Structure formats: structure tokens, C-alpha cells
């Protein structure tokens, strides 16, 4: 009786666009924004532990972060450049492949996961004309916008009290009243709506730089 041949290890994912994305060595040529938008609109933030009939998706989160980043930046600069707004929109783009692991789990996995995530993000940046590494001040502003978004998501959608959210994400300060009101009214939308809105914002920004 012959020995069964071992099956080859698969380290790529087939996307709906037909592309095969090599997970170990991602190529910018295999990155497609339709795949990113489709995937992010179907990945739930907070492991799905949010209120509402729909999951609060990473695509919707990305739009919120870009809104905050643009609003805060425009308060100090005449207008936040579209290239950095696009970087903010795509800050969690690798999650269309790896999913949205909550921060405690990322910590438990260790640096190998982070290295993979950064490699994929660099490929996404190369595909759309962004630098592999963002300027330090831009990266810091995106991170700040991400924390502000997390605070409002946590308190409005994920069951955190405001004191608890302040411990983990900080207390948002200095936001314009219009932005605060918009964030306070966060509500999950269906996946197809999040996907459409993400693509619309991407197309708007990519045309501006």
C-alpha cells in the first residue's frame, strides 16, 4: 500500500478579484481595492461584541478614523493633504486578510504577527503610491485619530463605561462640537453600505493627489 503524498502547503489566499495574494511575500501587483473594501466591510470590530443589527466593520471604522484625522488636521493646517488622508483610510487595510484581532490577542501572539501585518501594509502603500513608512508626525496623528475612534466605539457600541474607556484609550479632548456629535451618534451599517462608502472615499482621495 503506497504512501499518500503530503499536500503542498498553501500560503496564499484567492481573492474575489481572482488575484492570489502571497501571504508570506505580498506583492503590490496582487493588491486590489475592491478586495480590500469587500473584506474590511465584513470584518467585525470588537470581535463582533457591539450593539445593533449589524457588525461595526473595520471599513466603517476606517471611515471614522479618516474623518477624525482630517478634521483635526484641518484645524491646524489649511487642508489635510489627500495623500495622508488616504493613509488614514488604509491604516487597518491588512485586516482584509488577517482579520481584526483584538489588541490583547495581538500582544499574546507577539512580534511575528506585527511584522507580517506591516509587510502587508507596505505592499498596500506601494500599490497606491504611499510611502512604505509614513512621516512620524502623520503616523502619530493617525494613531491619535484611531484612539479617539476607539473611545467612541467602545462607549457607544461595545459596552465600555466612559471611565473604563478613558483608561485604555484616553479621554478625547479639543474636538469640534460637530465632530463630537457625529461620533456620539455612531451606529453600525450593513456590510454593503460600508463597502460602498469605503470605496467612494478611496476614489475621492486617490483622485486628489
N, C-alpha and C. Protein backbone atom coordinates (compact mmCIF):
# COMPACT_ATOMS: atom_id res chain seq x y z
N UNK A 1 0.85 -1.18 0.00
CA UNK A 1 0.00 0.00 0.00
C UNK A 1 0.89 1.24 0.00
N UNK A 2 0.72 2.09 -1.03
CA UNK A 2 1.60 3.25 -1.18
C UNK A 2 1.31 4.33 -0.15
N UNK A 3 2.35 5.13 0.06
CA UNK A 3 2.21 6.24 1.00
C UNK A 3 1.55 7.42 0.29
N UNK A 4 0.63 8.04 0.98
CA UNK A 4 -0.03 9.21 0.41
C UNK A 4 0.93 10.39 0.41
N UNK A 5 1.03 11.08 -0.72
CA UNK A 5 1.90 12.23 -0.83
C UNK A 5 1.34 13.37 0.01
N UNK A 6 2.22 14.06 0.76
CA UNK A 6 1.73 15.20 1.55
C UNK A 6 1.23 16.32 0.64
N UNK A 7 0.18 16.93 1.06
CA UNK A 7 -0.36 18.04 0.27
C UNK A 7 0.55 19.26 0.41
N UNK A 8 0.71 20.01 -0.68
CA UNK A 8 1.56 21.20 -0.58
C UNK A 8 0.94 22.23 0.37
N UNK A 9 1.81 22.91 1.09
CA UNK A 9 1.35 23.95 2.00
C UNK A 9 0.91 25.17 1.19
N UNK A 10 -0.25 25.71 1.52
CA UNK A 10 -0.75 26.87 0.79
C UNK A 10 -0.55 28.11 1.64
N UNK A 11 0.21 29.07 1.10
CA UNK A 11 0.47 30.32 1.83
C UNK A 11 -0.06 31.51 1.04
N UNK A 12 -1.11 31.29 0.28
CA UNK A 12 -1.73 32.38 -0.46
C UNK A 12 -3.24 32.32 -0.28
N UNK A 13 -3.88 33.43 -0.52
CA UNK A 13 -5.33 33.49 -0.45
C UNK A 13 -5.87 33.96 -1.79
N UNK A 14 -6.87 33.24 -2.28
CA UNK A 14 -7.54 33.69 -3.50
C UNK A 14 -8.58 34.75 -3.15
N UNK A 15 -8.51 35.86 -3.87
CA UNK A 15 -9.45 36.95 -3.65
C UNK A 15 -10.58 36.87 -4.67
N UNK A 16 -11.67 37.56 -4.39
CA UNK A 16 -12.80 37.54 -5.31
C UNK A 16 -12.46 38.17 -6.65
N UNK A 17 -11.45 39.04 -6.67
CA UNK A 17 -11.00 39.62 -7.94
C UNK A 17 -10.30 38.59 -8.81
N UNK A 18 -9.96 37.44 -8.23
CA UNK A 18 -9.20 36.41 -8.95
C UNK A 18 -7.72 36.42 -8.62
N UNK A 19 -7.26 37.45 -7.92
CA UNK A 19 -5.85 37.52 -7.55
C UNK A 19 -5.52 36.49 -6.47
N UNK A 20 -4.27 36.04 -6.49
CA UNK A 20 -3.74 35.20 -5.43
C UNK A 20 -2.74 36.02 -4.65
N UNK A 21 -3.04 36.29 -3.41
CA UNK A 21 -2.15 37.10 -2.58
C UNK A 21 -1.25 36.20 -1.77
N UNK A 22 0.05 36.29 -2.03
CA UNK A 22 1.05 35.53 -1.28
C UNK A 22 1.15 36.15 0.11
N UNK A 23 0.79 35.40 1.13
CA UNK A 23 0.75 35.95 2.47
C UNK A 23 2.14 36.14 3.07
N UNK A 24 3.12 35.38 2.60
CA UNK A 24 4.46 35.49 3.14
C UNK A 24 5.27 36.56 2.44
N UNK A 25 4.96 36.81 1.17
CA UNK A 25 5.67 37.83 0.40
C UNK A 25 4.67 38.57 -0.48
N UNK A 26 3.81 39.39 0.13
CA UNK A 26 2.75 40.04 -0.63
C UNK A 26 3.29 41.01 -1.67
N UNK A 27 2.74 40.92 -2.87
CA UNK A 27 3.16 41.79 -3.97
C UNK A 27 2.14 42.89 -4.17
N UNK A 28 2.59 44.14 -4.38
CA UNK A 28 1.64 45.22 -4.68
C UNK A 28 0.76 44.91 -5.88
N UNK A 29 1.28 44.12 -6.81
CA UNK A 29 0.51 43.79 -8.02
C UNK A 29 -0.72 42.94 -7.70
N UNK A 30 -0.71 42.29 -6.55
CA UNK A 30 -1.84 41.43 -6.16
C UNK A 30 -2.80 42.12 -5.20
N UNK A 31 -2.58 43.41 -4.98
CA UNK A 31 -3.46 44.19 -4.12
C UNK A 31 -4.53 44.85 -4.98
N UNK A 32 -5.78 44.71 -4.60
CA UNK A 32 -6.90 45.32 -5.35
C UNK A 32 -7.85 45.96 -4.34
N UNK A 33 -8.19 47.23 -4.58
CA UNK A 33 -9.01 47.96 -3.62
C UNK A 33 -10.39 47.34 -3.45
N UNK A 34 -10.95 46.74 -4.49
CA UNK A 34 -12.25 46.09 -4.35
C UNK A 34 -12.18 44.93 -3.36
N UNK A 35 -11.06 44.20 -3.37
CA UNK A 35 -10.88 43.11 -2.40
C UNK A 35 -10.76 43.67 -0.99
N UNK A 36 -10.01 44.75 -0.84
CA UNK A 36 -9.84 45.37 0.46
C UNK A 36 -11.18 45.83 1.02
N UNK A 37 -11.94 46.56 0.19
CA UNK A 37 -13.23 47.10 0.64
C UNK A 37 -14.20 45.97 0.99
N UNK A 38 -14.23 44.94 0.16
CA UNK A 38 -15.13 43.82 0.41
C UNK A 38 -14.77 43.14 1.72
N UNK A 39 -13.48 42.88 1.92
CA UNK A 39 -13.06 42.18 3.14
C UNK A 39 -13.28 43.01 4.39
N UNK A 40 -12.85 44.28 4.37
CA UNK A 40 -12.96 45.12 5.56
C UNK A 40 -14.42 45.34 5.97
N UNK A 41 -15.31 45.38 4.98
CA UNK A 41 -16.73 45.59 5.29
C UNK A 41 -17.35 44.37 5.96
N UNK A 42 -16.63 43.26 5.96
CA UNK A 42 -17.14 42.02 6.54
C UNK A 42 -16.31 41.53 7.72
N UNK A 43 -15.38 42.35 8.16
CA UNK A 43 -14.60 42.05 9.37
C UNK A 43 -15.15 42.92 10.50
N UNK A 44 -15.53 42.28 11.59
CA UNK A 44 -16.17 43.00 12.70
C UNK A 44 -15.13 43.54 13.68
N UNK A 45 -15.30 44.78 14.05
CA UNK A 45 -14.53 45.35 15.16
C UNK A 45 -15.03 44.75 16.48
N UNK A 46 -14.17 44.77 17.50
CA UNK A 46 -14.54 44.33 18.85
C UNK A 46 -15.02 42.88 18.87
N UNK A 47 -14.49 42.07 17.95
CA UNK A 47 -14.90 40.65 17.85
C UNK A 47 -16.41 40.49 17.72
N UNK A 48 -17.05 41.50 17.15
CA UNK A 48 -18.49 41.44 16.95
C UNK A 48 -19.31 41.77 18.18
N UNK A 49 -18.65 42.11 19.29
CA UNK A 49 -19.36 42.40 20.54
C UNK A 49 -19.80 43.86 20.58
N UNK A 50 -20.68 44.22 19.66
CA UNK A 50 -21.21 45.57 19.58
C UNK A 50 -22.72 45.50 19.43
N UNK A 51 -23.39 46.58 19.82
CA UNK A 51 -24.85 46.61 19.74
C UNK A 51 -25.29 46.84 18.30
N UNK A 52 -26.54 46.50 18.01
CA UNK A 52 -27.10 46.77 16.69
C UNK A 52 -27.31 45.51 15.88
N UNK A 53 -28.08 45.68 14.82
CA UNK A 53 -28.41 44.54 13.96
C UNK A 53 -27.25 44.12 13.08
N UNK A 54 -26.25 44.99 12.92
CA UNK A 54 -25.11 44.71 12.06
C UNK A 54 -23.82 44.84 12.86
N UNK A 55 -22.80 44.16 12.40
CA UNK A 55 -21.47 44.33 12.99
C UNK A 55 -20.95 45.72 12.65
N UNK A 56 -20.16 46.28 13.55
CA UNK A 56 -19.45 47.52 13.24
C UNK A 56 -18.15 47.11 12.57
N UNK A 57 -18.05 47.35 11.28
CA UNK A 57 -16.97 46.77 10.48
C UNK A 57 -15.71 47.62 10.52
N UNK A 58 -14.62 47.00 10.13
CA UNK A 58 -13.35 47.70 10.01
C UNK A 58 -13.44 48.76 8.91
N UNK A 59 -14.21 48.51 7.86
CA UNK A 59 -14.39 49.52 6.82
C UNK A 59 -15.04 50.76 7.39
N UNK A 60 -16.07 50.59 8.22
CA UNK A 60 -16.73 51.74 8.83
C UNK A 60 -15.78 52.44 9.80
N UNK A 61 -15.03 51.68 10.57
CA UNK A 61 -14.02 52.24 11.48
C UNK A 61 -13.01 53.08 10.70
N UNK A 62 -12.55 52.57 9.56
CA UNK A 62 -11.56 53.30 8.75
C UNK A 62 -12.11 54.64 8.30
N UNK A 63 -13.37 54.69 7.95
CA UNK A 63 -14.01 55.95 7.55
C UNK A 63 -14.06 56.92 8.73
N UNK A 64 -14.37 56.40 9.91
CA UNK A 64 -14.43 57.25 11.10
C UNK A 64 -13.05 57.82 11.41
N UNK A 65 -12.02 56.98 11.35
CA UNK A 65 -10.66 57.43 11.63
C UNK A 65 -10.23 58.50 10.63
N UNK A 66 -10.55 58.30 9.37
CA UNK A 66 -10.18 59.30 8.36
C UNK A 66 -10.92 60.60 8.59
N UNK A 67 -12.18 60.53 9.01
CA UNK A 67 -12.94 61.73 9.35
C UNK A 67 -12.26 62.51 10.47
N UNK A 68 -11.91 61.81 11.53
CA UNK A 68 -11.27 62.44 12.69
C UNK A 68 -9.92 63.03 12.30
N UNK A 69 -9.11 62.24 11.61
CA UNK A 69 -7.78 62.67 11.17
C UNK A 69 -7.88 63.93 10.33
N UNK A 70 -8.81 63.95 9.38
CA UNK A 70 -8.97 65.10 8.51
C UNK A 70 -9.46 66.32 9.28
N UNK A 71 -10.42 66.11 10.19
CA UNK A 71 -10.98 67.23 10.94
C UNK A 71 -9.94 67.86 11.86
N UNK A 72 -9.17 67.03 12.56
CA UNK A 72 -8.15 67.56 13.47
C UNK A 72 -7.03 68.23 12.69
N UNK A 73 -6.61 67.59 11.60
CA UNK A 73 -5.54 68.16 10.79
C UNK A 73 -5.93 69.47 10.14
N UNK A 74 -7.17 69.55 9.67
CA UNK A 74 -7.63 70.77 9.01
C UNK A 74 -7.79 71.92 10.00
N UNK A 75 -7.87 71.60 11.29
CA UNK A 75 -7.97 72.65 12.30
C UNK A 75 -6.63 73.36 12.49
N UNK A 76 -5.53 72.69 12.12
CA UNK A 76 -4.21 73.29 12.27
C UNK A 76 -3.58 73.66 10.93
N UNK A 77 -3.88 72.87 9.89
CA UNK A 77 -3.40 73.16 8.54
C UNK A 77 -4.59 73.68 7.73
N UNK A 78 -4.29 74.37 6.65
CA UNK A 78 -5.37 74.87 5.81
C UNK A 78 -6.22 73.72 5.30
N UNK A 79 -5.56 72.63 4.90
CA UNK A 79 -6.28 71.44 4.45
C UNK A 79 -5.35 70.24 4.55
N UNK A 80 -5.84 69.18 5.15
CA UNK A 80 -5.01 67.98 5.28
C UNK A 80 -4.80 67.38 3.89
N UNK A 81 -3.53 67.18 3.48
CA UNK A 81 -3.28 66.63 2.14
C UNK A 81 -3.98 65.29 1.93
N UNK A 82 -4.49 65.10 0.73
CA UNK A 82 -5.25 63.88 0.42
C UNK A 82 -4.39 62.63 0.57
N UNK A 83 -3.09 62.73 0.32
CA UNK A 83 -2.23 61.54 0.42
C UNK A 83 -2.23 61.01 1.86
N UNK A 84 -2.23 61.93 2.84
CA UNK A 84 -2.21 61.46 4.24
C UNK A 84 -3.60 61.05 4.68
N UNK A 85 -4.64 61.66 4.12
CA UNK A 85 -5.99 61.20 4.40
C UNK A 85 -6.18 59.77 3.89
N UNK A 86 -5.60 59.48 2.72
CA UNK A 86 -5.68 58.12 2.19
C UNK A 86 -4.94 57.15 3.09
N UNK A 87 -3.80 57.56 3.61
CA UNK A 87 -3.05 56.70 4.53
C UNK A 87 -3.90 56.40 5.77
N UNK A 88 -4.63 57.41 6.25
CA UNK A 88 -5.51 57.19 7.41
C UNK A 88 -6.62 56.20 7.07
N UNK A 89 -7.20 56.34 5.88
CA UNK A 89 -8.27 55.43 5.47
C UNK A 89 -7.77 53.99 5.39
N UNK A 90 -6.52 53.81 4.99
CA UNK A 90 -5.96 52.48 4.77
C UNK A 90 -5.17 51.97 5.98
N UNK A 91 -5.27 52.64 7.12
CA UNK A 91 -4.39 52.29 8.24
C UNK A 91 -4.61 50.87 8.74
N UNK A 92 -5.81 50.33 8.60
CA UNK A 92 -6.09 48.96 9.02
C UNK A 92 -6.34 48.04 7.82
N UNK A 93 -5.92 48.44 6.64
CA UNK A 93 -6.21 47.66 5.44
C UNK A 93 -5.72 46.22 5.49
N UNK A 94 -4.57 45.90 6.14
CA UNK A 94 -4.16 44.49 6.19
C UNK A 94 -5.21 43.56 6.80
N UNK A 95 -6.15 44.12 7.54
CA UNK A 95 -7.15 43.27 8.19
C UNK A 95 -8.13 42.65 7.21
N UNK A 96 -8.10 43.08 5.94
CA UNK A 96 -8.92 42.38 4.95
C UNK A 96 -8.40 40.97 4.72
N UNK A 97 -7.16 40.73 5.13
CA UNK A 97 -6.56 39.39 5.01
C UNK A 97 -6.47 38.72 6.38
N UNK A 98 -5.98 39.44 7.37
CA UNK A 98 -5.68 38.81 8.66
C UNK A 98 -6.81 38.93 9.67
N UNK A 99 -7.84 39.71 9.36
CA UNK A 99 -8.92 39.92 10.31
C UNK A 99 -8.53 40.96 11.36
N UNK A 100 -9.47 41.31 12.21
CA UNK A 100 -9.23 42.31 13.24
C UNK A 100 -9.05 41.61 14.58
N UNK A 101 -7.81 41.28 14.89
CA UNK A 101 -7.53 40.67 16.18
C UNK A 101 -7.54 41.75 17.25
N UNK A 102 -8.20 41.48 18.36
CA UNK A 102 -8.22 42.46 19.43
C UNK A 102 -6.81 42.61 20.00
N UNK A 103 -6.51 43.79 20.53
CA UNK A 103 -5.15 44.11 20.98
C UNK A 103 -4.57 43.10 21.96
N UNK A 104 -5.32 42.60 22.96
CA UNK A 104 -4.73 41.61 23.88
C UNK A 104 -4.24 40.34 23.16
N UNK A 105 -4.97 39.93 22.10
CA UNK A 105 -4.56 38.73 21.38
C UNK A 105 -3.31 39.01 20.54
N UNK A 106 -3.22 40.22 19.94
CA UNK A 106 -2.02 40.59 19.20
C UNK A 106 -0.81 40.55 20.13
N UNK A 107 -0.98 41.04 21.34
CA UNK A 107 0.12 41.03 22.31
C UNK A 107 0.53 39.59 22.63
N UNK A 108 -0.45 38.70 22.77
CA UNK A 108 -0.15 37.31 23.09
C UNK A 108 0.59 36.62 21.95
N UNK A 109 0.23 36.95 20.70
CA UNK A 109 0.88 36.32 19.54
C UNK A 109 2.32 36.78 19.42
N UNK A 110 2.57 38.07 19.64
CA UNK A 110 3.93 38.58 19.62
C UNK A 110 4.30 39.30 18.34
N UNK A 111 5.60 39.53 18.17
CA UNK A 111 6.10 40.41 17.12
C UNK A 111 5.97 39.82 15.73
N UNK A 112 5.94 38.50 15.59
CA UNK A 112 5.85 37.91 14.25
C UNK A 112 4.56 38.35 13.56
N UNK A 113 3.48 38.43 14.29
CA UNK A 113 2.22 38.87 13.72
C UNK A 113 2.34 40.31 13.26
N UNK A 114 2.93 41.17 14.08
CA UNK A 114 3.07 42.58 13.73
C UNK A 114 3.94 42.75 12.51
N UNK A 115 5.01 41.97 12.41
CA UNK A 115 5.89 42.06 11.25
C UNK A 115 5.16 41.69 9.98
N UNK A 116 4.33 40.65 10.05
CA UNK A 116 3.54 40.26 8.88
C UNK A 116 2.57 41.35 8.48
N UNK A 117 1.90 41.93 9.48
CA UNK A 117 0.93 42.98 9.23
C UNK A 117 1.59 44.19 8.56
N UNK A 118 2.77 44.57 9.05
CA UNK A 118 3.49 45.71 8.49
C UNK A 118 3.97 45.42 7.07
N UNK A 119 4.37 44.18 6.79
CA UNK A 119 4.80 43.81 5.44
C UNK A 119 3.65 43.95 4.46
N UNK A 120 2.47 43.52 4.87
CA UNK A 120 1.30 43.63 4.00
C UNK A 120 0.90 45.09 3.83
N UNK A 121 0.97 45.87 4.90
CA UNK A 121 0.64 47.29 4.79
C UNK A 121 1.61 48.00 3.85
N UNK A 122 2.88 47.65 3.88
CA UNK A 122 3.86 48.25 2.98
C UNK A 122 3.52 47.94 1.52
N UNK A 123 3.05 46.72 1.25
CA UNK A 123 2.65 46.36 -0.11
C UNK A 123 1.43 47.16 -0.54
N UNK A 124 0.48 47.35 0.37
CA UNK A 124 -0.70 48.15 0.07
C UNK A 124 -0.31 49.60 -0.21
N UNK A 125 0.59 50.14 0.60
CA UNK A 125 1.07 51.50 0.37
C UNK A 125 1.74 51.63 -0.99
N UNK A 126 2.58 50.66 -1.34
CA UNK A 126 3.27 50.71 -2.63
C UNK A 126 2.27 50.66 -3.79
N UNK A 127 1.22 49.89 -3.62
CA UNK A 127 0.21 49.76 -4.68
C UNK A 127 -0.47 51.09 -4.97
N UNK A 128 -0.65 51.91 -3.93
CA UNK A 128 -1.42 53.14 -4.11
C UNK A 128 -0.61 54.41 -3.93
N UNK A 129 0.71 54.30 -4.08
CA UNK A 129 1.55 55.49 -4.14
C UNK A 129 1.86 56.13 -2.81
N UNK A 130 1.70 55.39 -1.72
CA UNK A 130 2.03 55.91 -0.40
C UNK A 130 3.42 55.41 0.01
N UNK A 131 4.15 56.18 0.81
CA UNK A 131 5.46 55.69 1.27
C UNK A 131 5.30 54.48 2.18
N UNK A 132 6.28 53.58 2.13
CA UNK A 132 6.22 52.39 2.99
C UNK A 132 6.13 52.77 4.45
N UNK A 133 6.89 53.80 4.84
CA UNK A 133 6.84 54.32 6.21
C UNK A 133 6.36 55.77 6.15
N UNK A 134 5.32 56.06 6.92
CA UNK A 134 4.77 57.41 6.94
C UNK A 134 5.64 58.33 7.78
N UNK A 135 5.61 59.64 7.49
CA UNK A 135 6.30 60.58 8.38
C UNK A 135 5.83 60.41 9.82
N UNK A 136 6.75 60.61 10.75
CA UNK A 136 6.45 60.35 12.15
C UNK A 136 5.25 61.14 12.64
N UNK A 137 5.15 62.41 12.23
CA UNK A 137 4.04 63.23 12.71
C UNK A 137 2.71 62.76 12.14
N UNK A 138 2.72 62.33 10.88
CA UNK A 138 1.49 61.81 10.27
C UNK A 138 1.06 60.52 10.96
N UNK A 139 2.01 59.63 11.19
CA UNK A 139 1.69 58.37 11.87
C UNK A 139 1.12 58.63 13.26
N UNK A 140 1.67 59.61 13.95
CA UNK A 140 1.18 59.95 15.29
C UNK A 140 -0.23 60.51 15.23
N UNK A 141 -0.52 61.32 14.22
CA UNK A 141 -1.86 61.88 14.08
C UNK A 141 -2.89 60.80 13.74
N UNK A 142 -2.50 59.85 12.90
CA UNK A 142 -3.40 58.74 12.57
C UNK A 142 -3.66 57.90 13.82
N UNK A 143 -2.60 57.64 14.59
CA UNK A 143 -2.76 56.86 15.82
C UNK A 143 -3.69 57.58 16.80
N UNK A 144 -3.55 58.89 16.89
CA UNK A 144 -4.42 59.67 17.77
C UNK A 144 -5.88 59.56 17.31
N UNK A 145 -6.10 59.69 16.00
CA UNK A 145 -7.46 59.56 15.46
C UNK A 145 -8.01 58.16 15.72
N UNK A 146 -7.15 57.16 15.63
CA UNK A 146 -7.56 55.78 15.88
C UNK A 146 -8.00 55.60 17.34
N UNK A 147 -7.26 56.20 18.27
CA UNK A 147 -7.62 56.10 19.69
C UNK A 147 -8.94 56.82 19.97
N UNK A 148 -9.13 57.98 19.35
CA UNK A 148 -10.39 58.71 19.54
C UNK A 148 -11.56 57.88 19.02
N UNK A 149 -11.39 57.29 17.84
CA UNK A 149 -12.44 56.44 17.28
C UNK A 149 -12.72 55.27 18.22
N UNK A 150 -11.66 54.66 18.75
CA UNK A 150 -11.84 53.51 19.64
C UNK A 150 -12.59 53.91 20.90
N UNK A 151 -12.32 55.10 21.42
CA UNK A 151 -13.02 55.57 22.63
C UNK A 151 -14.52 55.66 22.36
N UNK A 152 -14.91 56.28 21.26
CA UNK A 152 -16.33 56.45 20.98
C UNK A 152 -16.99 55.12 20.60
N UNK A 153 -16.28 54.27 19.87
CA UNK A 153 -16.82 52.94 19.57
C UNK A 153 -17.03 52.15 20.86
N UNK A 154 -16.04 52.22 21.74
CA UNK A 154 -16.12 51.46 22.99
C UNK A 154 -17.31 51.90 23.84
N UNK A 155 -17.50 53.22 23.95
CA UNK A 155 -18.54 53.73 24.85
C UNK A 155 -19.93 53.74 24.22
N UNK A 156 -20.00 53.87 22.89
CA UNK A 156 -21.30 53.93 22.24
C UNK A 156 -21.78 52.58 21.75
N UNK A 157 -20.84 51.68 21.47
CA UNK A 157 -21.22 50.42 20.82
C UNK A 157 -20.81 49.17 21.57
N UNK A 158 -19.71 49.22 22.31
CA UNK A 158 -19.11 47.99 22.85
C UNK A 158 -19.26 47.83 24.36
N UNK A 159 -20.09 48.64 24.99
CA UNK A 159 -20.43 48.41 26.39
C UNK A 159 -19.44 48.93 27.41
N UNK A 160 -18.44 49.71 27.02
CA UNK A 160 -17.48 50.28 27.97
C UNK A 160 -18.11 51.49 28.66
N UNK A 161 -17.80 51.64 29.94
CA UNK A 161 -18.13 52.90 30.60
C UNK A 161 -17.11 53.94 30.16
N UNK A 162 -17.45 55.21 30.33
CA UNK A 162 -16.51 56.26 29.94
C UNK A 162 -15.22 56.23 30.78
N UNK A 163 -15.29 56.00 32.10
CA UNK A 163 -14.04 55.90 32.86
C UNK A 163 -13.16 54.73 32.40
N UNK A 164 -13.79 53.60 32.09
CA UNK A 164 -13.03 52.44 31.63
C UNK A 164 -12.38 52.71 30.28
N UNK A 165 -13.13 53.30 29.36
CA UNK A 165 -12.58 53.62 28.05
C UNK A 165 -11.45 54.64 28.16
N UNK A 166 -11.56 55.56 29.10
CA UNK A 166 -10.52 56.56 29.29
C UNK A 166 -9.20 55.90 29.70
N UNK A 167 -9.28 54.87 30.52
CA UNK A 167 -8.08 54.16 30.94
C UNK A 167 -7.33 53.57 29.75
N UNK A 168 -8.07 52.98 28.82
CA UNK A 168 -7.44 52.25 27.72
C UNK A 168 -7.18 53.10 26.47
N UNK A 169 -8.01 54.11 26.25
CA UNK A 169 -7.90 54.88 25.00
C UNK A 169 -7.65 56.36 25.21
N UNK A 170 -7.74 56.83 26.45
CA UNK A 170 -7.58 58.24 26.72
C UNK A 170 -8.89 59.00 26.51
N UNK A 171 -8.97 60.16 27.14
CA UNK A 171 -10.16 61.00 27.02
C UNK A 171 -9.98 61.95 25.84
N UNK A 172 -10.83 61.85 24.82
CA UNK A 172 -10.70 62.77 23.68
C UNK A 172 -10.90 64.22 24.13
N UNK A 173 -10.02 65.09 23.66
CA UNK A 173 -10.08 66.50 24.06
C UNK A 173 -9.96 67.39 22.83
N UNK A 174 -10.59 68.55 22.93
CA UNK A 174 -10.42 69.57 21.91
C UNK A 174 -11.13 69.29 20.60
N UNK A 175 -12.10 68.37 20.59
CA UNK A 175 -12.81 68.08 19.35
C UNK A 175 -13.88 69.14 19.10
N UNK A 176 -14.08 69.47 17.83
CA UNK A 176 -15.13 70.40 17.47
C UNK A 176 -16.48 69.81 17.85
N UNK A 177 -17.43 70.64 18.27
CA UNK A 177 -18.75 70.13 18.68
C UNK A 177 -19.43 69.29 17.60
N UNK A 178 -19.27 69.70 16.33
CA UNK A 178 -19.91 68.95 15.24
C UNK A 178 -19.33 67.54 15.14
N UNK A 179 -18.00 67.43 15.30
CA UNK A 179 -17.36 66.12 15.23
C UNK A 179 -17.76 65.27 16.43
N UNK A 180 -17.79 65.86 17.61
CA UNK A 180 -18.19 65.12 18.81
C UNK A 180 -19.61 64.57 18.66
N UNK A 181 -20.50 65.40 18.14
CA UNK A 181 -21.89 64.96 17.97
C UNK A 181 -21.98 63.81 16.96
N UNK A 182 -21.18 63.89 15.91
CA UNK A 182 -21.17 62.83 14.90
C UNK A 182 -20.66 61.53 15.49
N UNK A 183 -19.61 61.60 16.29
CA UNK A 183 -19.04 60.40 16.89
C UNK A 183 -19.96 59.82 17.95
N UNK A 184 -20.66 60.68 18.66
CA UNK A 184 -21.57 60.21 19.70
C UNK A 184 -22.76 59.45 19.11
N UNK A 185 -23.02 59.67 17.82
CA UNK A 185 -24.16 59.03 17.17
C UNK A 185 -23.75 57.81 16.33
N UNK A 186 -22.56 57.26 16.59
CA UNK A 186 -22.09 56.11 15.81
C UNK A 186 -23.11 54.97 15.84
N UNK A 187 -23.33 54.37 14.69
CA UNK A 187 -24.23 53.22 14.59
C UNK A 187 -23.74 52.32 13.46
N UNK A 188 -23.73 51.01 13.66
CA UNK A 188 -23.29 50.11 12.60
C UNK A 188 -24.21 50.17 11.38
N UNK A 189 -23.61 49.99 10.20
CA UNK A 189 -24.38 49.96 8.96
C UNK A 189 -24.18 48.60 8.29
N UNK A 190 -25.04 48.21 7.37
CA UNK A 190 -24.87 46.93 6.68
C UNK A 190 -23.54 46.87 5.92
N UNK A 191 -23.06 45.66 5.71
CA UNK A 191 -21.76 45.47 5.06
C UNK A 191 -21.70 46.11 3.68
N UNK A 192 -22.78 45.97 2.89
CA UNK A 192 -22.72 46.53 1.55
C UNK A 192 -22.64 48.05 1.57
N UNK A 193 -23.27 48.69 2.57
CA UNK A 193 -23.20 50.14 2.70
C UNK A 193 -21.79 50.57 3.11
N UNK A 194 -21.19 49.85 4.06
CA UNK A 194 -19.83 50.17 4.49
C UNK A 194 -18.85 49.99 3.34
N UNK A 195 -19.03 48.93 2.57
CA UNK A 195 -18.15 48.68 1.42
C UNK A 195 -18.27 49.81 0.40
N UNK A 196 -19.48 50.21 0.08
CA UNK A 196 -19.71 51.28 -0.88
C UNK A 196 -19.11 52.59 -0.40
N UNK A 197 -19.34 52.92 0.86
CA UNK A 197 -18.84 54.19 1.39
C UNK A 197 -17.31 54.20 1.43
N UNK A 198 -16.71 53.08 1.77
CA UNK A 198 -15.25 52.98 1.79
C UNK A 198 -14.69 53.19 0.39
N UNK A 199 -15.26 52.54 -0.60
CA UNK A 199 -14.79 52.69 -1.97
C UNK A 199 -14.98 54.12 -2.47
N UNK A 200 -16.10 54.73 -2.14
CA UNK A 200 -16.34 56.11 -2.56
C UNK A 200 -15.30 57.05 -1.97
N UNK A 201 -14.99 56.87 -0.69
CA UNK A 201 -13.99 57.72 -0.05
C UNK A 201 -12.61 57.48 -0.65
N UNK A 202 -12.27 56.21 -0.89
CA UNK A 202 -10.99 55.88 -1.52
C UNK A 202 -10.87 56.57 -2.87
N UNK A 203 -11.89 56.44 -3.71
CA UNK A 203 -11.83 57.01 -5.06
C UNK A 203 -11.72 58.52 -5.02
N UNK A 204 -12.40 59.15 -4.06
CA UNK A 204 -12.32 60.60 -3.91
C UNK A 204 -10.89 61.02 -3.57
N UNK A 205 -10.27 60.31 -2.64
CA UNK A 205 -8.94 60.70 -2.18
C UNK A 205 -7.86 60.37 -3.22
N UNK A 206 -7.97 59.23 -3.87
CA UNK A 206 -6.92 58.83 -4.82
C UNK A 206 -6.88 59.77 -6.01
N UNK A 207 -8.01 60.40 -6.33
CA UNK A 207 -8.06 61.34 -7.44
C UNK A 207 -7.47 62.70 -7.09
N UNK A 208 -7.25 62.94 -5.81
CA UNK A 208 -6.82 64.28 -5.37
C UNK A 208 -5.32 64.42 -5.17
N UNK A 209 -4.58 63.33 -5.34
CA UNK A 209 -3.13 63.50 -5.23
C UNK A 209 -2.41 62.73 -6.33
